[in-house]
Protein backbone atom coordinates (compact mmCIF):
# COMPACT_ATOMS: atom_id res chain seq x y z
CA UNK A 1 40.91 -23.91 2.32
CA UNK A 2 44.50 -23.52 3.42
CA UNK A 3 45.22 -22.61 6.97
CA UNK A 4 48.37 -21.51 8.62
CA UNK A 5 49.30 -21.92 12.25
CA UNK A 6 48.91 -18.59 14.00
CA UNK A 7 52.15 -17.17 15.42
CA UNK A 8 52.61 -14.38 17.99
CA UNK A 9 52.59 -11.07 16.13
CA UNK A 10 54.35 -9.29 18.95
CA UNK A 11 57.29 -11.64 18.50
CA UNK A 12 57.16 -10.98 14.78
CA UNK A 13 57.30 -7.22 15.36
CA UNK A 14 60.31 -7.67 17.63
CA UNK A 15 61.98 -9.71 14.93
CA UNK A 16 61.26 -6.95 12.41
CA UNK A 17 62.52 -4.20 14.61
CA UNK A 18 66.03 -4.34 13.14
CA UNK A 19 64.55 -4.16 9.59
CA UNK A 20 62.40 -1.17 10.59
CA UNK A 21 65.40 1.05 11.34
CA UNK A 22 66.64 0.50 7.75
CA UNK A 23 63.22 1.13 6.35
CA UNK A 24 62.81 4.40 8.19
CA UNK A 25 66.18 5.64 6.91
CA UNK A 26 65.18 4.95 3.34
CA UNK A 27 61.57 6.19 3.47
CA UNK A 28 60.48 9.21 5.54
CA UNK A 29 56.79 9.07 4.59
CA UNK A 30 54.05 8.41 7.10
CA UNK A 31 51.76 5.41 6.57
CA UNK A 32 48.15 5.68 7.69
CA UNK A 33 46.37 2.54 8.85
CA UNK A 34 42.60 2.72 9.30
CA UNK A 35 41.04 0.48 11.98
CA UNK A 36 37.31 -0.02 11.74
CA UNK A 37 35.61 -2.16 14.37
CA UNK A 38 32.14 -2.44 16.04
CA UNK A 39 31.40 -0.34 19.11
CA UNK A 40 31.86 -1.73 22.58
CA UNK A 41 28.20 -2.77 22.94
CA UNK A 42 28.87 -6.04 24.83
CA UNK A 43 31.65 -7.63 26.79
CA UNK A 44 33.66 -9.21 24.01
CA UNK A 45 33.64 -6.05 21.93
CA UNK A 46 34.52 -4.05 25.01
CA UNK A 47 37.59 -6.16 25.39
CA UNK A 48 38.38 -5.96 21.69
CA UNK A 49 38.05 -2.20 21.70
CA UNK A 50 40.39 -1.96 24.69
CA UNK A 51 43.00 -4.14 22.98
CA UNK A 52 42.75 -2.14 19.78
CA UNK A 53 43.37 1.16 21.62
CA UNK A 54 46.25 -0.28 23.66
CA UNK A 55 47.87 -1.77 20.56
CA UNK A 56 47.54 1.44 18.50
CA UNK A 57 49.05 3.58 21.33
CA UNK A 58 51.97 1.16 21.60
CA UNK A 59 52.67 1.02 17.87
CA UNK A 60 52.45 4.81 17.43
CA UNK A 61 54.96 5.28 20.28
CA UNK A 62 57.29 2.64 18.76
CA UNK A 63 57.03 3.52 15.08
CA UNK A 64 56.78 7.28 14.32
CA UNK A 65 56.14 6.51 10.61
CA UNK A 66 52.81 4.97 11.49
CA UNK A 67 49.59 6.92 11.98
CA UNK A 68 46.30 5.29 12.91
CA UNK A 69 42.67 6.25 12.40
CA UNK A 70 40.36 4.29 14.71
CA UNK A 71 36.61 4.32 14.09
CA UNK A 72 33.90 2.35 15.91
CA UNK A 73 30.34 1.82 14.71
CA UNK A 74 27.15 0.42 16.25
CA UNK A 75 25.57 -0.39 12.89
CA UNK A 76 26.70 -1.37 9.36
CA UNK A 77 25.69 1.94 7.75
CA UNK A 78 27.95 3.89 10.16
CA UNK A 79 30.88 1.48 9.53
CA UNK A 80 30.43 1.83 5.73
CA UNK A 81 30.50 5.66 6.16
CA UNK A 82 33.59 5.42 8.31
CA UNK A 83 35.52 3.34 5.81
CA UNK A 84 34.52 5.54 2.87
CA UNK A 85 35.68 8.59 4.86
CA UNK A 86 39.06 6.92 5.65
CA UNK A 87 39.63 6.26 2.01
CA UNK A 88 38.42 9.63 0.68
CA UNK A 89 39.79 12.10 3.32
CA UNK A 90 42.49 10.27 5.20
CA UNK A 91 44.00 8.47 2.20
CA UNK A 92 44.72 5.34 4.23
CA UNK A 93 47.43 2.95 3.16
CA UNK A 94 45.88 -0.05 4.85
CA UNK A 95 42.57 -1.02 6.46
CA UNK A 96 42.03 -3.35 9.37
CA UNK A 97 38.30 -4.12 9.56
CA UNK A 98 36.10 -6.31 11.72
CA UNK A 99 32.80 -6.20 9.78
CA UNK A 100 29.71 -5.40 11.76
CA UNK A 101 27.90 -7.62 9.20
CA UNK A 102 29.42 -9.47 6.31
CA UNK A 103 27.15 -8.55 3.36
CA UNK A 104 26.87 -4.77 3.74
CA UNK A 105 30.65 -4.34 4.28
CA UNK A 106 31.81 -6.47 1.37
CA UNK A 107 31.43 -3.78 -1.30
CA UNK A 108 33.09 -0.89 0.72
CA UNK A 109 35.99 -3.07 1.74
CA UNK A 110 36.47 -4.27 -1.85
CA UNK A 111 36.57 -0.55 -2.94
CA UNK A 112 39.47 -0.10 -0.53
CA UNK A 113 41.29 -3.05 -1.95
CA UNK A 114 40.53 -1.89 -5.52
CA UNK A 115 42.18 1.45 -4.63
CA UNK A 116 45.48 -0.45 -4.04
CA UNK A 117 45.29 -0.49 -0.28
CA UNK A 118 46.40 -3.34 2.03
CA UNK A 119 43.32 -4.99 3.62
CA UNK A 120 43.15 -7.09 6.73
CA UNK A 121 39.83 -8.60 7.68
CA UNK A 122 39.36 -9.77 11.29
CA UNK A 123 37.00 -12.32 12.77
CA UNK A 124 33.91 -11.99 10.62
CA UNK A 125 34.60 -12.81 7.00
CA UNK A 126 33.22 -10.95 4.04
CA UNK A 127 30.53 -12.41 1.81
CA UNK A 128 32.99 -12.69 -1.08
CA UNK A 129 36.22 -14.63 -0.51
CA UNK A 130 39.68 -13.42 -1.62
CA UNK A 131 39.25 -9.65 -1.22
CA UNK A 132 41.58 -9.26 1.80
CA UNK A 133 45.36 -9.61 1.86
CA UNK A 134 45.35 -10.94 5.44
CA UNK A 135 42.63 -12.65 7.47
CA UNK A 136 42.97 -13.07 11.29
CA UNK A 137 40.31 -14.87 13.26
CA UNK A 138 39.55 -17.40 15.87
CA UNK A 139 38.73 -20.88 14.59
CA UNK A 140 34.97 -20.52 14.29
CA UNK A 141 34.49 -24.07 13.09
CA UNK A 142 36.39 -25.41 16.06
CA UNK A 143 34.49 -23.06 18.37
CA UNK A 144 31.23 -24.72 17.33
CA UNK A 145 32.63 -28.24 17.06
CA UNK A 146 34.22 -28.25 20.49
CA UNK A 147 30.99 -27.10 22.09
CA UNK A 148 29.01 -29.64 20.10
CA UNK A 149 31.29 -32.46 21.06
CA UNK A 150 30.72 -31.58 24.75
CA UNK A 151 26.96 -31.67 24.27
CA UNK A 152 27.12 -34.99 22.49
CA UNK A 153 29.30 -36.58 25.18
CA UNK A 154 27.27 -35.18 28.12
CA UNK A 155 23.63 -35.39 27.09
CA UNK A 156 21.56 -38.59 26.66
CA UNK A 157 19.75 -39.54 23.52
CA UNK A 158 16.47 -37.61 23.30
CA UNK A 159 17.81 -34.59 25.17
CA UNK A 160 16.27 -31.34 24.10
CA UNK A 161 18.43 -28.16 23.59
CA UNK A 162 18.03 -24.57 22.30
CA UNK A 163 20.56 -22.37 20.45
CA UNK A 164 21.18 -18.65 20.72
CA UNK A 165 22.92 -17.50 17.54
CA UNK A 166 24.95 -14.31 17.10
CA UNK A 167 24.56 -11.60 14.47
CA UNK A 168 23.94 -12.95 10.95
CA UNK A 169 27.48 -13.25 9.59
CA UNK A 170 29.64 -15.89 7.95
CA UNK A 171 31.24 -16.32 11.39
CA UNK A 172 27.94 -17.20 13.00
CA UNK A 173 27.12 -19.64 10.12
CA UNK A 174 30.46 -21.39 10.53
CA UNK A 175 29.92 -21.82 14.32
CA UNK A 176 26.39 -23.12 14.09
CA UNK A 177 27.04 -25.43 11.12
CA UNK A 178 30.00 -26.98 13.01
CA UNK A 179 27.97 -27.30 16.21
CA UNK A 180 25.12 -29.08 14.42
CA UNK A 181 27.48 -31.36 12.55
CA UNK A 182 29.16 -32.29 15.86
CA UNK A 183 25.88 -33.41 17.45
CA UNK A 184 24.76 -35.47 14.45
CA UNK A 185 23.81 -39.01 15.43
CA UNK A 186 23.52 -38.19 19.07
CA UNK A 187 19.71 -38.16 19.19
CA UNK A 188 19.86 -34.62 20.66
CA UNK A 189 16.89 -32.57 19.43
CA UNK A 190 17.43 -28.87 18.69
CA UNK A 191 14.10 -27.27 19.60
CA UNK A 192 14.91 -23.83 18.29
CA UNK A 193 17.68 -21.48 17.17
CA UNK A 194 17.27 -17.75 17.05
CA UNK A 195 19.56 -14.74 16.82
CA UNK A 196 20.60 -13.19 20.13
CA UNK A 197 23.07 -10.91 18.35
CA UNK A 198 25.78 -11.41 20.99
CA UNK A 199 23.85 -9.11 23.22
CA UNK A 200 22.69 -9.72 26.81
CA UNK A 201 19.33 -8.04 26.52
CA UNK A 202 18.47 -9.67 23.25
CA UNK A 203 19.52 -13.04 24.60
CA UNK A 204 17.35 -12.46 27.67
CA UNK A 205 14.32 -11.84 25.47
CA UNK A 206 15.00 -14.79 23.21
CA UNK A 207 15.47 -17.13 26.17
CA UNK A 208 12.24 -15.91 27.73
CA UNK A 209 10.55 -16.95 24.49
CA UNK A 210 12.14 -20.36 24.59
CA UNK A 211 11.16 -20.87 28.21
CA UNK A 212 7.58 -20.01 27.50
CA UNK A 213 7.34 -22.30 24.49
CA UNK A 214 9.24 -25.37 25.69
CA UNK A 215 8.44 -27.21 28.92
CA UNK A 216 11.60 -29.35 28.60
CA UNK A 217 14.99 -27.83 27.91
CA UNK A 218 17.99 -29.77 29.05
CA UNK A 219 20.82 -27.58 27.90
CA UNK A 220 21.48 -24.24 26.09
CA UNK A 221 24.24 -23.36 23.63
CA UNK A 222 24.64 -19.62 23.80
CA UNK A 223 27.67 -19.40 21.57
CA UNK A 224 28.81 -16.22 23.40
CA UNK A 225 29.38 -15.35 27.05
CA UNK A 226 27.25 -12.14 26.95
CA UNK A 227 24.38 -14.13 25.52
CA UNK A 228 24.95 -16.83 28.17
CA UNK A 229 24.68 -14.22 30.93
CA UNK A 230 21.45 -12.83 29.44
CA UNK A 231 20.00 -16.35 29.05
CA UNK A 232 20.90 -17.29 32.59
CA UNK A 233 19.03 -14.30 33.87
CA UNK A 234 15.96 -15.35 32.06
CA UNK A 235 16.29 -18.92 33.31
CA UNK A 236 16.66 -17.76 36.90
CA UNK A 237 13.68 -15.44 36.62
CA UNK A 238 11.60 -18.32 35.34
CA UNK A 239 12.72 -20.49 38.27
CA UNK A 240 14.14 -23.19 35.97
CA UNK A 241 17.79 -22.92 36.92
CA UNK A 242 18.06 -26.54 38.04
CA UNK A 243 16.59 -27.92 34.82
CA UNK A 244 19.42 -27.07 32.37
CA UNK A 245 23.02 -26.12 31.95
CA UNK A 246 24.47 -23.58 29.58
CA UNK A 247 27.61 -23.13 27.50
CA UNK A 248 28.71 -19.76 26.21
CA UNK A 249 32.03 -18.92 24.65
CA UNK A 250 34.98 -16.55 24.45
CA UNK A 251 36.28 -16.96 28.04
CA UNK A 252 34.84 -13.98 29.89
CA UNK A 253 36.45 -13.76 33.30
CA UNK A 254 33.10 -13.85 35.11
CA UNK A 255 32.27 -17.14 33.32
CA UNK A 256 35.74 -18.63 33.79
CA UNK A 257 35.56 -17.89 37.55
CA UNK A 258 32.28 -19.80 37.85
CA UNK A 259 33.82 -22.74 35.98
CA UNK A 260 36.78 -22.69 38.40
CA UNK A 261 34.19 -22.80 41.22
CA UNK A 262 32.50 -25.87 39.57
CA UNK A 263 29.17 -24.16 38.97
CA UNK A 264 26.83 -26.86 37.68
CA UNK A 265 24.97 -24.39 35.49
CA UNK A 266 28.28 -23.49 33.61
CA UNK A 267 30.25 -26.69 33.32
CA UNK A 268 32.63 -25.53 30.55
CA UNK A 269 33.40 -22.80 28.10
CA UNK A 270 35.15 -22.42 24.73
CA UNK A 271 37.93 -19.91 24.12
CA UNK A 272 37.81 -17.05 21.52
CA UNK A 273 40.08 -14.17 22.63
CA UNK A 274 39.29 -10.55 21.89
CA UNK A 275 43.00 -9.92 21.78
CA UNK A 276 43.01 -11.25 18.14
CA UNK A 277 42.51 -7.59 17.08
CA UNK A 278 45.94 -6.78 18.45
CA UNK A 279 47.46 -9.52 16.30
CA UNK A 280 45.72 -8.24 13.24
CA UNK A 281 46.85 -4.62 13.74
CA UNK A 282 50.39 -5.63 14.56
CA UNK A 283 50.73 -7.94 11.55
CA UNK A 284 49.29 -5.25 9.28
CA UNK A 285 51.88 -2.83 10.61
CA UNK A 286 54.67 -5.26 9.64
CA UNK A 287 53.97 -4.40 5.97
CA UNK A 288 55.16 -0.85 6.60
CA UNK A 289 57.91 -1.18 9.26
CA UNK A 290 59.80 -4.14 7.71
CA UNK A 291 60.73 -5.59 4.39
CA UNK A 292 58.72 -8.73 5.11
CA UNK A 293 55.06 -8.29 4.11
CA UNK A 294 52.59 -10.63 5.82
CA UNK A 295 49.85 -12.29 3.84
CA UNK A 296 47.48 -15.26 4.22
CA UNK A 297 45.13 -16.67 6.86
CA UNK A 298 46.11 -16.83 10.54
CA UNK A 299 43.72 -18.80 12.71
CA UNK A 300 43.76 -18.92 16.49
CA UNK A 301 42.48 -22.30 17.86
CA UNK A 302 39.59 -22.83 20.29
CA UNK A 303 40.17 -24.74 23.53
CA UNK A 304 37.60 -26.25 25.98
CA UNK A 305 37.79 -24.57 29.38
CA UNK A 306 37.04 -26.95 32.19
CA UNK A 307 37.29 -26.82 35.98
CA UNK A 308 40.64 -28.57 35.64
CA UNK A 309 42.28 -25.99 33.37
CA UNK A 310 40.15 -22.90 34.00
CA UNK A 311 42.83 -21.16 36.09
CA UNK A 312 45.03 -20.87 33.03
CA UNK A 313 42.29 -18.76 31.32
CA UNK A 314 41.36 -16.58 34.25
CA UNK A 315 42.67 -13.00 34.05
CA UNK A 316 40.91 -10.93 36.76
CA UNK A 317 42.40 -7.62 35.59
CA UNK A 318 41.20 -8.09 31.99
CA UNK A 319 38.43 -5.83 30.71
CA UNK A 320 36.62 -8.96 29.46
């Protein structure tokens, strides 16, 4: 699968600004871009929603020929309805979608593409490849691999771990598969892996179940910072804080600060920025404000956050 190095979409928009003036003079029509994303039900999505709103406001102020329709959904059925409405009543020219779940959204997104619209898929891939014109995401394989490599390097043979998975999506599969491949040959035993759905409360419940079933747990891969916080609450409540460390992911400021302070329960983290939605919206807009359409796959790498480099990833004013 071909991958291209991600480049700054803001810089690309600046480069296209000169072309946009010509485009406006030649075409006075308004282009409608639909943006469909999950609701802000946890920290990462809260940050992603904030970045989406900020980006839309900035682009509408800069490009009067662009109009945006933003819809958020707390379940797949609502997101399907939102997208169908965008196509039927708003006659969108493009769709930027972060699927709540891969399988239920594949058909509706394909219907948008079949109607001749530009489609950008963000973060969670569809269950059928090749539908979208543009795919923007973090490197989910690297996200899992980087975490797995840390586990392999820092746990002895015979260590026992548990995994908290996200919502059942292609994204989650890629992360978990890469993590498990990275720890192959290490002698680390995965006791259990269940879905915490990237949700603090669900992760708390799943971790409580793990703690009741397994007398020995040496480390936890939560694969998301919200799940890590929920799991840590369960661990503390059980009085087992000194028995295990935990790794989440995405670089939540609360987690990064604890890494900066060398918290032994949170030794490292793995980046996965919610600002990727801004890049996706901006790059989609390029197709309508310049003569240089953008197609392909744009992947943002994952980096291990350690006490030595954590300050670079700490943004106290960020919503996430």
